[in-house]
Every structure is written in structure tokens, then in C-alpha cells.
PDB file of N, CA and C in Angstrom:
ATOM      1  N   UNK A   1     125.565  99.225  93.705  1.00  0.00           N
ATOM      2  CA  UNK A   1     124.171  98.899  94.033  1.00  0.00           C
ATOM      3  C   UNK A   1     123.807  97.453  93.660  1.00  0.00           C
ATOM      4  N   UNK A   2     124.212  96.932  92.512  1.00  0.00           N
ATOM      5  CA  UNK A   2     123.928  95.511  92.223  1.00  0.00           C
ATOM      6  C   UNK A   2     124.543  94.579  93.259  1.00  0.00           C
ATOM      7  N   UNK A   3     125.674  94.993  93.869  1.00  0.00           N
ATOM      8  CA  UNK A   3     126.303  94.179  94.904  1.00  0.00           C
ATOM      9  C   UNK A   3     125.354  94.022  96.096  1.00  0.00           C
ATOM     10  N   UNK A   4     124.681  95.089  96.474  1.00  0.00           N
ATOM     11  CA  UNK A   4     123.725  95.038  97.584  1.00  0.00           C
ATOM     12  C   UNK A   4     122.565  94.106  97.248  1.00  0.00           C
ATOM     13  N   UNK A   5     122.106  94.156  95.996  1.00  0.00           N
ATOM     14  CA  UNK A   5     121.000  93.284  95.582  1.00  0.00           C
ATOM     15  C   UNK A   5     121.432  91.821  95.631  1.00  0.00           C
ATOM     16  N   UNK A   6     122.676  91.543  95.187  1.00  0.00           N
ATOM     17  CA  UNK A   6     123.182  90.169  95.253  1.00  0.00           C
ATOM     18  C   UNK A   6     123.242  89.685  96.701  1.00  0.00           C
ATOM     19  N   UNK A   7     123.680  90.556  97.602  1.00  0.00           N
ATOM     20  CA  UNK A   7     123.753  90.164  99.018  1.00  0.00           C
ATOM     21  C   UNK A   7     122.360  89.922  99.584  1.00  0.00           C
ATOM     22  N   UNK A   8     121.389  90.731  99.166  1.00  0.00           N
ATOM     23  CA  UNK A   8     120.019  90.514  99.642  1.00  0.00           C
ATOM     24  C   UNK A   8     119.480  89.176  99.159  1.00  0.00           C
ATOM     25  N   UNK A   9     119.820  88.804  97.907  1.00  0.00           N
ATOM     26  CA  UNK A   9     119.338  87.526  97.371  1.00  0.00           C
ATOM     27  C   UNK A   9     119.990  86.361  98.114  1.00  0.00           C
ATOM     28  N   UNK A  10     121.277  86.488  98.419  1.00  0.00           N
ATOM     29  CA  UNK A  10     121.990  85.376  99.051  1.00  0.00           C
ATOM     30  C   UNK A  10     121.716  85.285 100.549  1.00  0.00           C
ATOM     31  N   UNK A  11     121.695  86.421 101.229  1.00  0.00           N
ATOM     32  CA  UNK A  11     121.623  86.428 102.692  1.00  0.00           C
ATOM     33  C   UNK A  11     120.165  86.496 103.143  1.00  0.00           C
ATOM     34  N   UNK A  12     119.677  85.422 103.710  1.00  0.00           N
ATOM     35  CA  UNK A  12     118.265  85.368 104.103  1.00  0.00           C
ATOM     36  C   UNK A  12     117.983  86.256 105.317  1.00  0.00           C
ATOM     37  N   UNK A  13     118.902  86.304 106.288  1.00  0.00           N
ATOM     38  CA  UNK A  13     118.683  87.124 107.478  1.00  0.00           C
ATOM     39  C   UNK A  13     118.658  88.607 107.115  1.00  0.00           C
ATOM     40  N   UNK A  14     119.566  89.003 106.215  1.00  0.00           N
ATOM     41  CA  UNK A  14     119.604  90.401 105.787  1.00  0.00           C
ATOM     42  C   UNK A  14     118.323  90.770 105.046  1.00  0.00           C
ATOM     43  N   UNK A  15     117.837  89.833 104.214  1.00  0.00           N
ATOM     44  CA  UNK A  15     116.596  90.081 103.479  1.00  0.00           C
ATOM     45  C   UNK A  15     115.420  90.204 104.447  1.00  0.00           C
ATOM     46  N   UNK A  16     115.416  89.354 105.483  1.00  0.00           N
ATOM     47  CA  UNK A  16     114.341  89.407 106.470  1.00  0.00           C
ATOM     48  C   UNK A  16     114.336  90.756 107.189  1.00  0.00           C
ATOM     49  N   UNK A  17     115.529  91.230 107.566  1.00  0.00           N
ATOM     50  CA  UNK A  17     115.640  92.520 108.240  1.00  0.00           C
ATOM     51  C   UNK A  17     115.199  93.649 107.307  1.00  0.00           C
ATOM     52  N   UNK A  18     115.543  93.530 106.022  1.00  0.00           N
ATOM     53  CA  UNK A  18     115.168  94.545 105.039  1.00  0.00           C
ATOM     54  C   UNK A  18     113.649  94.607 104.889  1.00  0.00           C
ATOM     55  N   UNK A  19     113.007  93.429 104.854  1.00  0.00           N
ATOM     56  CA  UNK A  19     111.548  93.370 104.740  1.00  0.00           C
ATOM     57  C   UNK A  19     110.893  93.962 105.992  1.00  0.00           C
ATOM     58  N   UNK A  20     111.441  93.637 107.167  1.00  0.00           N
ATOM     59  CA  UNK A  20     110.899  94.204 108.402  1.00  0.00           C
ATOM     60  C   UNK A  20     111.056  95.720 108.420  1.00  0.00           C
ATOM     61  N   UNK A  21     112.163  96.219 107.813  1.00  0.00           N
ATOM     62  CA  UNK A  21     112.390  97.662 107.756  1.00  0.00           C
ATOM     63  C   UNK A  21     111.378  98.336 106.824  1.00  0.00           C
ATOM     64  N   UNK A  22     111.032  97.672 105.722  1.00  0.00           N
ATOM     65  CA  UNK A  22     110.111  98.265 104.747  1.00  0.00           C
ATOM     66  C   UNK A  22     108.646  98.101 105.144  1.00  0.00           C
ATOM     67  N   UNK A  23     108.355  97.174 106.063  1.00  0.00           N
ATOM     68  CA  UNK A  23     106.968  96.844 106.394  1.00  0.00           C
ATOM     69  C   UNK A  23     106.138  98.044 106.861  1.00  0.00           C
ATOM     70  N   UNK A  24     106.636  98.874 107.809  1.00  0.00           N
ATOM     71  CA  UNK A  24     105.836 100.027 108.246  1.00  0.00           C
ATOM     72  C   UNK A  24     105.534 101.001 107.115  1.00  0.00           C
ATOM     73  N   UNK A  25     106.489 101.172 106.176  1.00  0.00           N
ATOM     74  CA  UNK A  25     106.262 102.110 105.079  1.00  0.00           C
ATOM     75  C   UNK A  25     105.148 101.618 104.164  1.00  0.00           C
ATOM     76  N   UNK A  26     105.079 100.290 103.951  1.00  0.00           N
ATOM     77  CA  UNK A  26     104.006  99.759 103.102  1.00  0.00           C
ATOM     78  C   UNK A  26     102.658  99.927 103.798  1.00  0.00           C
ATOM     79  N   UNK A  27     102.629  99.748 105.132  1.00  0.00           N
ATOM     80  CA  UNK A  27     101.373  99.933 105.872  1.00  0.00           C
ATOM     81  C   UNK A  27     100.917 101.389 105.781  1.00  0.00           C
ATOM     82  N   UNK A  28     101.867 102.330 105.979  1.00  0.00           N
ATOM     83  CA  UNK A  28     101.525 103.752 105.916  1.00  0.00           C
ATOM     84  C   UNK A  28     101.029 104.117 104.515  1.00  0.00           C
ATOM     85  N   UNK A  29     101.710 103.594 103.483  1.00  0.00           N
ATOM     86  CA  UNK A  29     101.288 103.867 102.110  1.00  0.00           C
ATOM     87  C   UNK A  29      99.893 103.326 101.831  1.00  0.00           C
ATOM     88  N   UNK A  30      99.600 102.129 102.341  1.00  0.00           N
ATOM     89  CA  UNK A  30      98.275 101.547 102.143  1.00  0.00           C
ATOM     90  C   UNK A  30      97.198 102.374 102.822  1.00  0.00           C
ATOM     91  N   UNK A  31      97.471 102.833 104.038  1.00  0.00           N
ATOM     92  CA  UNK A  31      96.489 103.653 104.763  1.00  0.00           C
ATOM     93  C   UNK A  31      96.235 104.955 104.013  1.00  0.00           C
ATOM     94  N   UNK A  32      97.314 105.584 103.514  1.00  0.00           N
ATOM     95  CA  UNK A  32      97.162 106.850 102.786  1.00  0.00           C
ATOM     96  C   UNK A  32      96.356 106.641 101.509  1.00  0.00           C
ATOM     97  N   UNK A  33      96.646 105.557 100.779  1.00  0.00           N
ATOM     98  CA  UNK A  33      95.931 105.325  99.516  1.00  0.00           C
ATOM     99  C   UNK A  33      94.456 105.034  99.772  1.00  0.00           C
ATOM    100  N   UNK A  34      94.159 104.246 100.812  1.00  0.00           N
ATOM    101  CA  UNK A  34      92.759 103.950 101.138  1.00  0.00           C
ATOM    102  C   UNK A  34      92.034 105.227 101.557  1.00  0.00           C
ATOM    103  N   UNK A  35      92.688 106.059 102.361  1.00  0.00           N
ATOM    104  CA  UNK A  35      92.069 107.305 102.804  1.00  0.00           C
ATOM    105  C   UNK A  35      91.785 108.225 101.621  1.00  0.00           C
ATOM    106  N   UNK A  36      92.756 108.325 100.702  1.00  0.00           N
ATOM    107  CA  UNK A  36      92.566 109.185  99.533  1.00  0.00           C
ATOM    108  C   UNK A  36      91.428 108.675  98.661  1.00  0.00           C
ATOM    109  N   UNK A  37      91.335 107.360  98.479  1.00  0.00           N
ATOM    110  CA  UNK A  37      90.264 106.817  97.634  1.00  0.00           C
ATOM    111  C   UNK A  37      88.901 107.042  98.291  1.00  0.00           C
ATOM    112  N   UNK A  38      88.830 106.893  99.611  1.00  0.00           N
ATOM    113  CA  UNK A  38      87.563 107.133 100.303  1.00  0.00           C
ATOM    114  C   UNK A  38      87.159 108.605 100.215  1.00  0.00           C
ATOM    115  N   UNK A  39      88.139 109.510 100.367  1.00  0.00           N
ATOM    116  CA  UNK A  39      87.833 110.935 100.261  1.00  0.00           C
ATOM    117  C   UNK A  39      87.381 111.290  98.853  1.00  0.00           C
ATOM    118  N   UNK A  40      88.044 110.716  97.847  1.00  0.00           N
ATOM    119  CA  UNK A  40      87.671 111.006  96.459  1.00  0.00           C
ATOM    120  C   UNK A  40      86.257 110.502  96.176  1.00  0.00           C
ATOM    121  N   UNK A  41      85.922 109.336  96.712  1.00  0.00           N
ATOM    122  CA  UNK A  41      84.587 108.786  96.497  1.00  0.00           C
ATOM    123  C   UNK A  41      83.536 109.630  97.232  1.00  0.00           C
ATOM    124  N   UNK A  42      83.904 110.136  98.409  1.00  0.00           N
ATOM    125  CA  UNK A  42      82.957 110.891  99.225  1.00  0.00           C
ATOM    126  C   UNK A  42      82.665 112.256  98.618  1.00  0.00           C
ATOM    127  N   UNK A  43      83.691 112.920  98.079  1.00  0.00           N
ATOM    128  CA  UNK A  43      83.531 114.293  97.599  1.00  0.00           C
ATOM    129  C   UNK A  43      83.260 114.381  96.106  1.00  0.00           C
ATOM    130  N   UNK A  44      82.867 113.262  95.483  1.00  0.00           N
ATOM    131  CA  UNK A  44      82.625 113.336  94.045  1.00  0.00           C
ATOM    132  C   UNK A  44      81.189 113.786  93.774  1.00  0.00           C
TER     133      UNK A  44
END
């Protein structure tokens, strides 16, 4: 696993692809967290 991290640090194209791969998950997580906070505020 540290070998993969070293390759991500060295290889810019691979890192870019990795970030593009993670981007939708961060958007989905943000939407879920915002929705949960709004629901918690609404039903308190």
C-alpha cells in the first residue's frame, strides 16, 4: 500500500485520475451531510 501512495505522489496524471475518481463520492457525501443537517434542524 505505501508503494501505491508513493506512485500517487510521483505520478501527476495518476493522481489527477484518482482525484477525478473520488470527486463524485465527495459530492454525494456533501449532499447527504447537508440533507441530514437540514432534516435535523427541521425536526428539532
